[in-house]
Every structure is written in C-alpha cells, then in structure tokens.
Amino acid sequence: MTSSTASRPRRELLLQSAADLFSAKGYHAVGIDDIGAAAGISGPGVYRHFPSKQALLEALCDRATSSMLEGARGIPAAHAEPAAALEALVDLHVDFAVARRALLGVWTREQRALSDDVRRSLRRRLRAYEQPWREVLAQLRDDLEPDEITVAVSATLSMLNTAAIVDADVPPERLARLLRRMALSALLARRPPRPQR
C-alpha cells in the first residue's frame, strides 16, 4: 500500500478498489479477496466494512445515483435561462462520466447483479434525476410531445453513460468536449421542416 492510499479511510479505499475492479473485470469475476488485496488489506478484513460483495456494489450504485441526483436538483432554479440550465445539466453528467468513469461504468453495467428491491429503488431515483432534464428540455423543445421529451432525455443519458464502458483512450478534456457537443446536439436538434408542395 502506498502512503497516499494508506492515508485514505479504509471504507473509501475499498469502494474505489471495488469500482476499479468491477469496471475492469465485471462484478462476477471479482472476489472479496481481490478487493481486499487491491485495497491493501486481507479479504476477510473487507467484512469489517461491508457484509458482502453485493453490499459493496449497492454502495457504489447508491453513490453514483446520489451524486448525480443531488447535483441535478438545484440546477433549474440556479439558471434563469432554460438553455443555460440544460448546459449545466449536461456538464454535470459529462463531468461525472469523465472524472468518475469506473464508478459510472459499474452503475451502468452491474445493476443486474443487485436485488430486485435495490434495482427498483435505483430506477425511482433515476426517474427523479431525469425530471429536471425533462422540465428544462420541455421549455426548449416545443416541437416535442412529453413522451418524446422523455425518450430524448433517456437516450441522451444512455449515450453519455456508454462512454464509461467504451474501450477508447481519449484524453479527458477532449472526451468531455466531445460528449458535451454530442449531448447538446442530440437534445436540441430539431426536425427539419417539411418541404412545401
């Protein structure tokens, strides 16, 4: 264990180690001993902080959802213009996707390993996260019906989340610019006018 990891709380170190391993190898391919070794403690020592590997996964998914939800809730009220609010929401998600790629990758791919109750709870919180996106986009896209707004938001977020699991070595700043441009283009692209006959 390096001096930088030794100074971090064990619980945090375990969560980061689990996120890195689950993201790289997949939840089912990683054992408690692997997580403990990556964190510099014995496998059984993990159980002093988490009762199971699934508890680690739940904590990671909860952390990802909570972080995004807390960030999104105040954005619409903090911006007078809907366009600025939408850009702030996109920036929030892009920053998370780039800076916390392993955590987002786990959240995106490994939810199927959670219990039904936990998955339902995460889905409810995801809908709450999407709500400010829908409200802001509805102010900018009067050409879309409410269900179309829902599709546009969900599809755009799925696109951004996929960046966490794509095996491509794009420098973080360039990746953030690319994702931001793609998300805003997807959300704001209007249907071309129908040709006059």
Protein backbone atom coordinates (compact mmCIF):
# COMPACT_ATOMS: atom_id res chain seq x y z
CA MET A 1 0.00 0.00 0.00
CA THR A 2 1.37 3.41 -0.92
CA SER A 3 1.47 6.34 1.50
CA SER A 4 -1.30 8.07 -0.48
CA THR A 5 -3.63 5.08 -0.13
CA ALA A 6 -2.68 4.48 3.49
CA SER A 7 -3.98 7.92 4.47
CA ARG A 8 -7.42 7.30 2.92
CA PRO A 9 -10.20 5.83 5.09
CA ARG A 10 -10.45 2.08 4.58
CA ARG A 11 -14.11 2.21 3.55
CA GLU A 12 -13.32 4.74 0.80
CA LEU A 13 -10.34 2.73 -0.33
CA LEU A 14 -12.45 -0.41 -0.55
CA LEU A 15 -15.14 1.38 -2.56
CA GLN A 16 -12.59 2.77 -5.01
CA SER A 17 -10.86 -0.60 -5.33
CA ALA A 18 -14.19 -2.34 -5.91
CA ALA A 19 -15.23 0.25 -8.51
CA ASP A 20 -11.95 -0.15 -10.39
CA LEU A 21 -12.10 -3.95 -10.32
CA PHE A 22 -15.81 -4.26 -11.13
CA SER A 23 -15.36 -1.81 -14.00
CA ALA A 24 -12.31 -3.60 -15.41
CA LYS A 25 -13.31 -7.24 -14.90
CA GLY A 26 -17.04 -7.31 -14.18
CA TYR A 27 -18.77 -7.88 -10.87
CA HIS A 28 -18.96 -11.69 -11.08
CA ALA A 29 -15.27 -12.10 -11.95
CA VAL A 30 -14.09 -10.25 -8.84
CA GLY A 31 -13.84 -11.83 -5.39
CA ILE A 32 -13.68 -10.28 -1.93
CA ASP A 33 -10.02 -11.30 -1.70
CA ASP A 34 -9.31 -9.37 -4.92
CA ILE A 35 -10.93 -6.24 -3.50
CA GLY A 36 -9.08 -6.60 -0.22
CA ALA A 37 -5.75 -7.10 -1.97
CA ALA A 38 -6.31 -4.02 -4.15
CA ALA A 39 -7.08 -2.01 -1.01
CA GLY A 40 -4.08 -3.43 0.83
CA ILE A 41 -5.98 -5.46 3.43
CA SER A 42 -6.86 -9.12 3.81
CA GLY A 43 -10.02 -10.40 2.16
CA PRO A 44 -11.71 -11.13 5.50
CA GLY A 45 -10.85 -7.59 6.60
CA VAL A 46 -13.30 -6.31 3.98
CA TYR A 47 -16.16 -7.73 6.07
CA ARG A 48 -15.43 -5.25 8.85
CA HIS A 49 -16.67 -2.55 6.49
CA PHE A 50 -19.11 -4.34 4.17
CA PRO A 51 -21.09 -7.51 4.93
CA SER A 52 -20.81 -8.83 1.37
CA LYS A 53 -19.59 -8.14 -2.13
CA GLN A 54 -23.14 -7.22 -3.08
CA ALA A 55 -23.18 -4.61 -0.28
CA LEU A 56 -20.14 -3.04 -1.93
CA LEU A 57 -21.95 -2.97 -5.26
CA GLU A 58 -25.05 -1.46 -3.64
CA ALA A 59 -22.93 1.24 -2.01
CA LEU A 60 -21.28 2.08 -5.34
CA CYS A 61 -24.58 2.30 -7.21
CA ASP A 62 -26.08 4.36 -4.40
CA ARG A 63 -23.09 6.70 -4.50
CA ALA A 64 -23.37 7.22 -8.25
CA THR A 65 -27.12 7.85 -8.13
CA SER A 66 -26.94 10.15 -5.09
CA SER A 67 -24.12 12.21 -6.54
CA MET A 68 -25.93 12.83 -9.82
CA LEU A 69 -29.33 13.42 -8.21
CA GLU A 70 -28.02 15.92 -5.68
CA GLY A 71 -26.18 17.83 -8.38
CA ALA A 72 -29.16 17.99 -10.76
CA ARG A 73 -31.87 19.05 -8.33
CA GLY A 74 -30.71 22.63 -7.86
CA ILE A 75 -29.70 23.38 -11.43
CA PRO A 76 -33.02 24.61 -12.92
CA ALA A 77 -33.53 27.14 -10.12
CA ALA A 78 -29.94 28.36 -10.38
CA HIS A 79 -30.29 29.40 -14.04
CA ALA A 80 -32.74 31.98 -15.35
CA GLU A 81 -32.49 30.70 -18.92
CA PRO A 82 -33.50 27.13 -19.82
CA ALA A 83 -30.60 26.85 -22.29
CA ALA A 84 -28.10 27.63 -19.52
CA ALA A 85 -29.80 25.12 -17.22
CA LEU A 86 -29.61 22.43 -19.90
CA GLU A 87 -25.93 23.12 -20.46
CA ALA A 88 -25.32 22.88 -16.71
CA LEU A 89 -27.13 19.53 -16.54
CA VAL A 90 -25.09 18.23 -19.47
CA ASP A 91 -21.87 19.50 -17.87
CA LEU A 92 -22.79 17.80 -14.59
CA HIS A 93 -23.27 14.43 -16.26
CA VAL A 94 -20.29 14.76 -18.58
CA ASP A 95 -18.00 15.74 -15.69
CA PHE A 96 -19.20 12.68 -13.78
CA ALA A 97 -18.76 10.41 -16.80
CA VAL A 98 -15.19 11.60 -17.36
CA ALA A 99 -13.92 12.07 -13.79
CA ARG A 100 -15.63 9.02 -12.28
CA ARG A 101 -15.59 6.71 -15.23
CA ALA A 102 -15.10 3.48 -13.26
CA LEU A 103 -17.99 4.27 -10.92
CA LEU A 104 -20.31 5.16 -13.79
CA GLY A 105 -19.25 2.00 -15.62
CA VAL A 106 -20.22 -0.11 -12.61
CA TRP A 107 -23.52 1.73 -12.23
CA THR A 108 -24.28 1.27 -15.93
CA ARG A 109 -23.34 -2.40 -16.31
CA GLU A 110 -23.64 -4.16 -12.99
CA GLN A 111 -27.10 -3.24 -11.68
CA ARG A 112 -28.42 -6.58 -12.84
CA ALA A 113 -26.44 -8.22 -10.01
CA LEU A 114 -28.47 -6.31 -7.40
CA SER A 115 -31.65 -7.49 -5.73
CA ASP A 116 -34.99 -6.54 -7.29
CA ASP A 117 -35.77 -4.16 -4.42
CA VAL A 118 -32.49 -2.29 -4.80
CA ARG A 119 -32.92 -2.09 -8.57
CA ARG A 120 -36.43 -0.68 -8.16
CA SER A 121 -35.12 1.93 -5.74
CA LEU A 122 -32.36 2.91 -8.16
CA ARG A 123 -34.88 3.21 -11.01
CA ARG A 124 -37.06 5.53 -8.92
CA ARG A 125 -34.07 7.72 -8.18
CA LEU A 126 -33.03 7.69 -11.83
CA ARG A 127 -36.50 8.96 -12.78
CA ALA A 128 -36.09 11.71 -10.17
CA TYR A 129 -32.70 12.56 -11.71
CA GLU A 130 -34.24 12.77 -15.17
CA GLN A 131 -37.10 15.03 -14.01
CA PRO A 132 -35.16 18.34 -14.11
CA TRP A 133 -33.77 17.34 -17.51
CA ARG A 134 -37.30 16.80 -18.83
CA GLU A 135 -38.60 20.03 -17.35
CA VAL A 136 -35.78 22.11 -18.81
CA LEU A 137 -35.86 20.43 -22.21
CA ALA A 138 -39.63 20.89 -22.48
CA GLN A 139 -39.06 24.66 -22.31
CA LEU A 140 -36.64 24.46 -25.23
CA ARG A 141 -38.36 21.89 -27.43
CA ASP A 142 -41.97 22.91 -28.03
CA ASP A 143 -41.86 20.65 -31.10
CA LEU A 144 -41.74 17.53 -28.90
CA GLU A 145 -44.56 15.82 -27.01
CA PRO A 146 -43.94 14.92 -23.33
CA ASP A 147 -43.25 11.27 -24.18
CA GLU A 148 -40.77 12.37 -26.84
CA ILE A 149 -39.03 14.57 -24.27
CA THR A 150 -38.72 11.51 -22.02
CA VAL A 151 -37.21 9.47 -24.85
CA ALA A 152 -34.77 12.25 -25.79
CA VAL A 153 -33.53 12.62 -22.21
CA SER A 154 -33.22 8.89 -21.52
CA ALA A 155 -31.49 8.19 -24.82
CA THR A 156 -29.03 11.05 -24.33
CA LEU A 157 -28.15 9.91 -20.81
CA SER A 158 -27.68 6.36 -22.06
CA MET A 159 -25.34 7.67 -24.74
CA LEU A 160 -23.29 9.57 -22.14
CA ASN A 161 -23.21 6.57 -19.81
CA THR A 162 -21.90 4.35 -22.58
CA ALA A 163 -18.74 6.46 -22.69
CA ALA A 164 -17.81 4.88 -19.36
CA ILE A 165 -17.62 1.40 -20.87
CA VAL A 166 -16.17 2.13 -24.31
CA ASP A 167 -12.56 0.99 -24.61
CA ALA A 168 -11.08 4.12 -26.14
CA ASP A 169 -8.10 6.14 -24.96
CA VAL A 170 -9.38 9.69 -25.46
CA PRO A 171 -7.77 12.33 -23.21
CA PRO A 172 -10.25 13.53 -20.55
CA GLU A 173 -10.54 17.12 -21.80
CA ARG A 174 -11.18 16.03 -25.37
CA LEU A 175 -13.62 13.36 -24.20
CA ALA A 176 -15.57 15.93 -22.16
CA ARG A 177 -15.79 18.31 -25.13
CA LEU A 178 -16.91 15.51 -27.44
CA LEU A 179 -19.57 14.22 -25.05
CA ARG A 180 -20.89 17.70 -24.31
CA ARG A 181 -21.20 18.52 -28.00
CA MET A 182 -22.91 15.20 -28.75
CA ALA A 183 -25.38 15.53 -25.87
CA LEU A 184 -26.41 19.08 -26.71
CA SER A 185 -26.74 18.18 -30.39
CA ALA A 186 -28.95 15.20 -29.56
CA LEU A 187 -31.17 17.19 -27.20
CA LEU A 188 -31.53 20.35 -29.25
CA ALA A 189 -31.63 19.06 -32.85
CA ARG A 190 -34.99 19.96 -34.33
CA ARG A 191 -36.81 18.10 -37.04
CA PRO A 192 -36.08 19.60 -40.44
CA PRO A 193 -39.07 21.48 -41.85
CA ARG A 194 -41.22 19.53 -44.24
CA PRO A 195 -40.77 20.59 -47.85
CA GLN A 196 -43.56 22.74 -49.22
CA ARG A 197 -45.56 21.16 -52.01
